[in-house]
């Protein structure tokens, strides 16, 4: 699966290929075609949250 990731603050997001998770038990895997970026995501990208990089942006789906 692909993800836009913050690798370095204030630099363009990078599209990276990540391992697709395997559902377990009663879990299901849902294919998402698009997702938005919220103000909080921009705040993190601009350096307002120092929780470390790289990290994926968007909401858990």
PDB file of N, CA and C in Angstrom:
ATOM      1  N   UNK A   1       0.845  -1.167   0.000  1.00  0.00           N
ATOM      2  CA  UNK A   1       0.000   0.000   0.000  1.00  0.00           C
ATOM      3  C   UNK A   1       0.890   1.229   0.000  1.00  0.00           C
ATOM      4  N   UNK A   2       0.360   2.340  -0.445  1.00  0.00           N
ATOM      5  CA  UNK A   2       1.123   3.585  -0.500  1.00  0.00           C
ATOM      6  C   UNK A   2       0.672   4.519   0.604  1.00  0.00           C
ATOM      7  N   UNK A   3       1.620   5.323   1.096  1.00  0.00           N
ATOM      8  CA  UNK A   3       1.302   6.300   2.135  1.00  0.00           C
ATOM      9  C   UNK A   3       2.113   7.560   1.885  1.00  0.00           C
ATOM     10  N   UNK A   4       1.492   8.719   2.109  1.00  0.00           N
ATOM     11  CA  UNK A   4       2.227   9.980   2.126  1.00  0.00           C
ATOM     12  C   UNK A   4       2.829  10.104   3.515  1.00  0.00           C
ATOM     13  N   UNK A   5       4.129  10.312   3.591  1.00  0.00           N
ATOM     14  CA  UNK A   5       4.791  10.340   4.892  1.00  0.00           C
ATOM     15  C   UNK A   5       5.585  11.623   5.074  1.00  0.00           C
ATOM     16  N   UNK A   6       5.563  12.126   6.313  1.00  0.00           N
ATOM     17  CA  UNK A   6       6.442  13.225   6.693  1.00  0.00           C
ATOM     18  C   UNK A   6       7.776  12.583   7.038  1.00  0.00           C
ATOM     19  N   UNK A   7       8.791  12.867   6.239  1.00  0.00           N
ATOM     20  CA  UNK A   7      10.125  12.347   6.514  1.00  0.00           C
ATOM     21  C   UNK A   7      10.971  13.445   7.141  1.00  0.00           C
ATOM     22  N   UNK A   8      10.849  14.661   6.619  1.00  0.00           N
ATOM     23  CA  UNK A   8      11.527  15.832   7.168  1.00  0.00           C
ATOM     24  C   UNK A   8      10.527  16.972   7.267  1.00  0.00           C
ATOM     25  N   UNK A   9      10.529  17.665   8.401  1.00  0.00           N
ATOM     26  CA  UNK A   9       9.590  18.758   8.604  1.00  0.00           C
ATOM     27  C   UNK A   9       9.772  19.841   7.553  1.00  0.00           C
ATOM     28  N   UNK A  10       8.672  20.432   7.125  1.00  0.00           N
ATOM     29  CA  UNK A  10       8.631  21.528   6.149  1.00  0.00           C
ATOM     30  C   UNK A  10       9.171  21.155   4.775  1.00  0.00           C
ATOM     31  N   UNK A  11       9.295  19.873   4.488  1.00  0.00           N
ATOM     32  CA  UNK A  11       9.690  19.422   3.155  1.00  0.00           C
ATOM     33  C   UNK A  11       8.508  18.659   2.550  1.00  0.00           C
ATOM     34  N   UNK A  12       8.487  18.524   1.220  1.00  0.00           N
ATOM     35  CA  UNK A  12       7.366  17.818   0.598  1.00  0.00           C
ATOM     36  C   UNK A  12       7.174  16.420   1.194  1.00  0.00           C
ATOM     37  N   UNK A  13       5.918  16.018   1.293  1.00  0.00           N
ATOM     38  CA  UNK A  13       5.620  14.665   1.747  1.00  0.00           C
ATOM     39  C   UNK A  13       6.159  13.675   0.725  1.00  0.00           C
ATOM     40  N   UNK A  14       6.557  12.517   1.181  1.00  0.00           N
ATOM     41  CA  UNK A  14       7.064  11.488   0.284  1.00  0.00           C
ATOM     42  C   UNK A  14       6.050  10.355   0.193  1.00  0.00           C
ATOM     43  N   UNK A  15       5.824   9.881  -1.023  1.00  0.00           N
ATOM     44  CA  UNK A  15       4.966   8.717  -1.225  1.00  0.00           C
ATOM     45  C   UNK A  15       5.861   7.493  -1.081  1.00  0.00           C
ATOM     46  N   UNK A  16       5.518   6.637  -0.140  1.00  0.00           N
ATOM     47  CA  UNK A  16       6.314   5.443   0.109  1.00  0.00           C
ATOM     48  C   UNK A  16       5.420   4.218   0.086  1.00  0.00           C
ATOM     49  N   UNK A  17       5.983   3.123  -0.352  1.00  0.00           N
ATOM     50  CA  UNK A  17       5.278   1.842  -0.357  1.00  0.00           C
ATOM     51  C   UNK A  17       5.473   1.189   1.011  1.00  0.00           C
ATOM     52  N   UNK A  18       4.371   0.831   1.654  1.00  0.00           N
ATOM     53  CA  UNK A  18       4.405   0.162   2.945  1.00  0.00           C
ATOM     54  C   UNK A  18       3.813  -1.230   2.812  1.00  0.00           C
ATOM     55  N   UNK A  19       4.159  -2.099   3.738  1.00  0.00           N
ATOM     56  CA  UNK A  19       3.611  -3.449   3.717  1.00  0.00           C
ATOM     57  C   UNK A  19       2.111  -3.402   4.003  1.00  0.00           C
ATOM     58  N   UNK A  20       1.338  -4.077   3.194  1.00  0.00           N
ATOM     59  CA  UNK A  20      -0.105  -4.145   3.402  1.00  0.00           C
ATOM     60  C   UNK A  20      -0.381  -5.068   4.581  1.00  0.00           C
ATOM     61  N   UNK A  21      -1.124  -4.589   5.576  1.00  0.00           N
ATOM     62  CA  UNK A  21      -1.394  -5.436   6.739  1.00  0.00           C
ATOM     63  C   UNK A  21      -2.271  -6.633   6.384  1.00  0.00           C
ATOM     64  N   UNK A  22      -2.121  -7.691   7.139  1.00  0.00           N
ATOM     65  CA  UNK A  22      -2.939  -8.887   6.955  1.00  0.00           C
ATOM     66  C   UNK A  22      -3.988  -8.929   8.064  1.00  0.00           C
ATOM     67  N   UNK A  23      -5.274  -8.971   7.692  1.00  0.00           N
ATOM     68  CA  UNK A  23      -6.317  -9.024   8.715  1.00  0.00           C
ATOM     69  C   UNK A  23      -6.210 -10.311   9.540  1.00  0.00           C
ATOM     70  N   UNK A  24      -6.553 -10.198  10.822  1.00  0.00           N
ATOM     71  CA  UNK A  24      -6.526 -11.352  11.721  1.00  0.00           C
ATOM     72  C   UNK A  24      -7.903 -11.517  12.353  1.00  0.00           C
ATOM     73  N   UNK A  25      -8.255 -12.752  12.617  1.00  0.00           N
ATOM     74  CA  UNK A  25      -9.530 -13.028  13.295  1.00  0.00           C
ATOM     75  C   UNK A  25     -10.709 -12.490  12.521  1.00  0.00           C
ATOM     76  N   UNK A  26     -11.468 -11.597  13.149  1.00  0.00           N
ATOM     77  CA  UNK A  26     -12.667 -11.033  12.514  1.00  0.00           C
ATOM     78  C   UNK A  26     -12.392  -9.688  11.843  1.00  0.00           C
ATOM     79  N   UNK A  27     -11.128  -9.283  11.752  1.00  0.00           N
ATOM     80  CA  UNK A  27     -10.780  -8.019  11.099  1.00  0.00           C
ATOM     81  C   UNK A  27     -10.996  -8.134   9.599  1.00  0.00           C
ATOM     82  N   UNK A  28     -11.180  -6.980   8.943  1.00  0.00           N
ATOM     83  CA  UNK A  28     -11.285  -6.923   7.485  1.00  0.00           C
ATOM     84  C   UNK A  28     -10.307  -5.871   6.978  1.00  0.00           C
ATOM     85  N   UNK A  29      -9.893  -5.984   5.744  1.00  0.00           N
ATOM     86  CA  UNK A  29      -9.026  -5.014   5.096  1.00  0.00           C
ATOM     87  C   UNK A  29      -9.875  -4.221   4.111  1.00  0.00           C
ATOM     88  N   UNK A  30      -9.877  -2.894   4.236  1.00  0.00           N
ATOM     89  CA  UNK A  30     -10.684  -2.017   3.393  1.00  0.00           C
ATOM     90  C   UNK A  30      -9.754  -1.225   2.493  1.00  0.00           C
ATOM     91  N   UNK A  31     -10.039  -1.214   1.199  1.00  0.00           N
ATOM     92  CA  UNK A  31      -9.239  -0.446   0.254  1.00  0.00           C
ATOM     93  C   UNK A  31      -9.765   0.991   0.225  1.00  0.00           C
ATOM     94  N   UNK A  32      -8.884   1.945   0.523  1.00  0.00           N
ATOM     95  CA  UNK A  32      -9.242   3.360   0.534  1.00  0.00           C
ATOM     96  C   UNK A  32      -8.649   4.003  -0.712  1.00  0.00           C
ATOM     97  N   UNK A  33      -9.464   4.722  -1.464  1.00  0.00           N
ATOM     98  CA  UNK A  33      -9.001   5.331  -2.704  1.00  0.00           C
ATOM     99  C   UNK A  33      -8.425   6.729  -2.505  1.00  0.00           C
ATOM    100  N   UNK A  34      -8.890   7.438  -1.490  1.00  0.00           N
ATOM    101  CA  UNK A  34      -8.363   8.778  -1.241  1.00  0.00           C
ATOM    102  C   UNK A  34      -8.647   9.175   0.204  1.00  0.00           C
ATOM    103  N   UNK A  35      -7.906  10.160   0.670  1.00  0.00           N
ATOM    104  CA  UNK A  35      -8.083  10.637   2.023  1.00  0.00           C
ATOM    105  C   UNK A  35      -7.618  12.079   2.082  1.00  0.00           C
ATOM    106  N   UNK A  36      -8.211  12.850   2.970  1.00  0.00           N
ATOM    107  CA  UNK A  36      -7.871  14.260   3.093  1.00  0.00           C
ATOM    108  C   UNK A  36      -6.802  14.511   4.142  1.00  0.00           C
ATOM    109  N   UNK A  37      -6.329  15.736   4.177  1.00  0.00           N
ATOM    110  CA  UNK A  37      -5.364  16.183   5.174  1.00  0.00           C
ATOM    111  C   UNK A  37      -6.024  17.304   5.970  1.00  0.00           C
ATOM    112  N   UNK A  38      -5.989  17.199   7.299  1.00  0.00           N
ATOM    113  CA  UNK A  38      -6.635  18.199   8.127  1.00  0.00           C
ATOM    114  C   UNK A  38      -5.616  19.202   8.677  1.00  0.00           C
ATOM    115  N   UNK A  39      -6.118  20.220   9.371  1.00  0.00           N
ATOM    116  CA  UNK A  39      -5.264  21.258   9.941  1.00  0.00           C
ATOM    117  C   UNK A  39      -4.230  20.660  10.890  1.00  0.00           C
ATOM    118  N   UNK A  40      -4.599  19.671  11.663  1.00  0.00           N
ATOM    119  CA  UNK A  40      -3.669  19.014  12.596  1.00  0.00           C
ATOM    120  C   UNK A  40      -2.500  18.388  11.845  1.00  0.00           C
ATOM    121  N   UNK A  41      -2.780  17.764  10.706  1.00  0.00           N
ATOM    122  CA  UNK A  41      -1.716  17.171   9.902  1.00  0.00           C
ATOM    123  C   UNK A  41      -0.725  18.239   9.450  1.00  0.00           C
ATOM    124  N   UNK A  42      -1.226  19.387   9.007  1.00  0.00           N
ATOM    125  CA  UNK A  42      -0.364  20.486   8.568  1.00  0.00           C
ATOM    126  C   UNK A  42       0.445  21.014   9.749  1.00  0.00           C
ATOM    127  N   UNK A  43      -0.177  21.117  10.921  1.00  0.00           N
ATOM    128  CA  UNK A  43       0.509  21.574  12.132  1.00  0.00           C
ATOM    129  C   UNK A  43       1.716  20.663  12.442  1.00  0.00           C
ATOM    130  N   UNK A  44       1.521  19.359  12.361  1.00  0.00           N
ATOM    131  CA  UNK A  44       2.609  18.402  12.607  1.00  0.00           C
ATOM    132  C   UNK A  44       3.694  18.570  11.553  1.00  0.00           C
ATOM    133  N   UNK A  45       3.298  18.679  10.288  1.00  0.00           N
ATOM    134  CA  UNK A  45       4.237  18.790   9.184  1.00  0.00           C
ATOM    135  C   UNK A  45       5.095  20.052   9.311  1.00  0.00           C
ATOM    136  N   UNK A  46       4.506  21.125   9.835  1.00  0.00           N
ATOM    137  CA  UNK A  46       5.230  22.384   9.992  1.00  0.00           C
ATOM    138  C   UNK A  46       6.097  22.416  11.250  1.00  0.00           C
ATOM    139  N   UNK A  47       6.109  21.331  12.024  1.00  0.00           N
ATOM    140  CA  UNK A  47       6.978  21.254  13.183  1.00  0.00           C
ATOM    141  C   UNK A  47       6.301  21.504  14.510  1.00  0.00           C
ATOM    142  N   UNK A  48       4.980  21.566  14.539  1.00  0.00           N
ATOM    143  CA  UNK A  48       4.258  21.845  15.773  1.00  0.00           C
ATOM    144  C   UNK A  48       4.136  20.657  16.705  1.00  0.00           C
ATOM    145  N   UNK A  49       4.542  19.485  16.259  1.00  0.00           N
ATOM    146  CA  UNK A  49       4.495  18.270  17.084  1.00  0.00           C
ATOM    147  C   UNK A  49       5.796  17.533  16.851  1.00  0.00           C
ATOM    148  N   UNK A  50       6.570  17.357  17.862  1.00  0.00           N
ATOM    149  CA  UNK A  50       7.903  16.747  17.729  1.00  0.00           C
ATOM    150  C   UNK A  50       7.899  15.260  18.072  1.00  0.00           C
ATOM    151  N   UNK A  51       6.860  14.544  17.671  1.00  0.00           N
ATOM    152  CA  UNK A  51       6.768  13.126  18.026  1.00  0.00           C
ATOM    153  C   UNK A  51       7.642  12.234  17.160  1.00  0.00           C
ATOM    154  N   UNK A  52       8.352  12.822  16.220  1.00  0.00           N
ATOM    155  CA  UNK A  52       9.284  12.040  15.413  1.00  0.00           C
ATOM    156  C   UNK A  52       8.802  11.797  14.002  1.00  0.00           C
ATOM    157  N   UNK A  53       9.724  11.498  13.137  1.00  0.00           N
ATOM    158  CA  UNK A  53       9.454  11.211  11.740  1.00  0.00           C
ATOM    159  C   UNK A  53      10.130   9.889  11.417  1.00  0.00           C
ATOM    160  N   UNK A  54       9.737   9.182  10.390  1.00  0.00           N
ATOM    161  CA  UNK A  54       8.601   9.479   9.518  1.00  0.00           C
ATOM    162  C   UNK A  54       7.276   9.091  10.173  1.00  0.00           C
ATOM    163  N   UNK A  55       6.237   9.715   9.696  1.00  0.00           N
ATOM    164  CA  UNK A  55       4.901   9.356  10.152  1.00  0.00           C
ATOM    165  C   UNK A  55       3.906   9.579   9.035  1.00  0.00           C
ATOM    166  N   UNK A  56       2.845   8.752   9.049  1.00  0.00           N
ATOM    167  CA  UNK A  56       1.811   8.863   8.036  1.00  0.00           C
ATOM    168  C   UNK A  56       0.827   9.926   8.486  1.00  0.00           C
ATOM    169  N   UNK A  57       0.212  10.559   7.532  1.00  0.00           N
ATOM    170  CA  UNK A  57      -0.797  11.579   7.834  1.00  0.00           C
ATOM    171  C   UNK A  57      -2.147  11.076   7.385  1.00  0.00           C
ATOM    172  N   UNK A  58      -3.179  11.703   7.892  1.00  0.00           N
ATOM    173  CA  UNK A  58      -4.540  11.295   7.586  1.00  0.00           C
ATOM    174  C   UNK A  58      -5.172  10.679   8.811  1.00  0.00           C
ATOM    175  N   UNK A  59      -6.389  10.314   8.693  1.00  0.00           N
ATOM    176  CA  UNK A  59      -7.136   9.752   9.815  1.00  0.00           C
ATOM    177  C   UNK A  59      -7.144   8.241   9.756  1.00  0.00           C
ATOM    178  N   UNK A  60      -7.116   7.582  10.913  1.00  0.00           N
ATOM    179  CA  UNK A  60      -7.253   6.119  10.904  1.00  0.00           C
ATOM    180  C   UNK A  60      -8.568   5.745  10.263  1.00  0.00           C
ATOM    181  N   UNK A  61      -8.522   4.789   9.400  1.00  0.00           N
ATOM    182  CA  UNK A  61      -9.726   4.376   8.661  1.00  0.00           C
ATOM    183  C   UNK A  61     -10.107   2.970   9.029  1.00  0.00           C
TER     184      UNK A  61
END
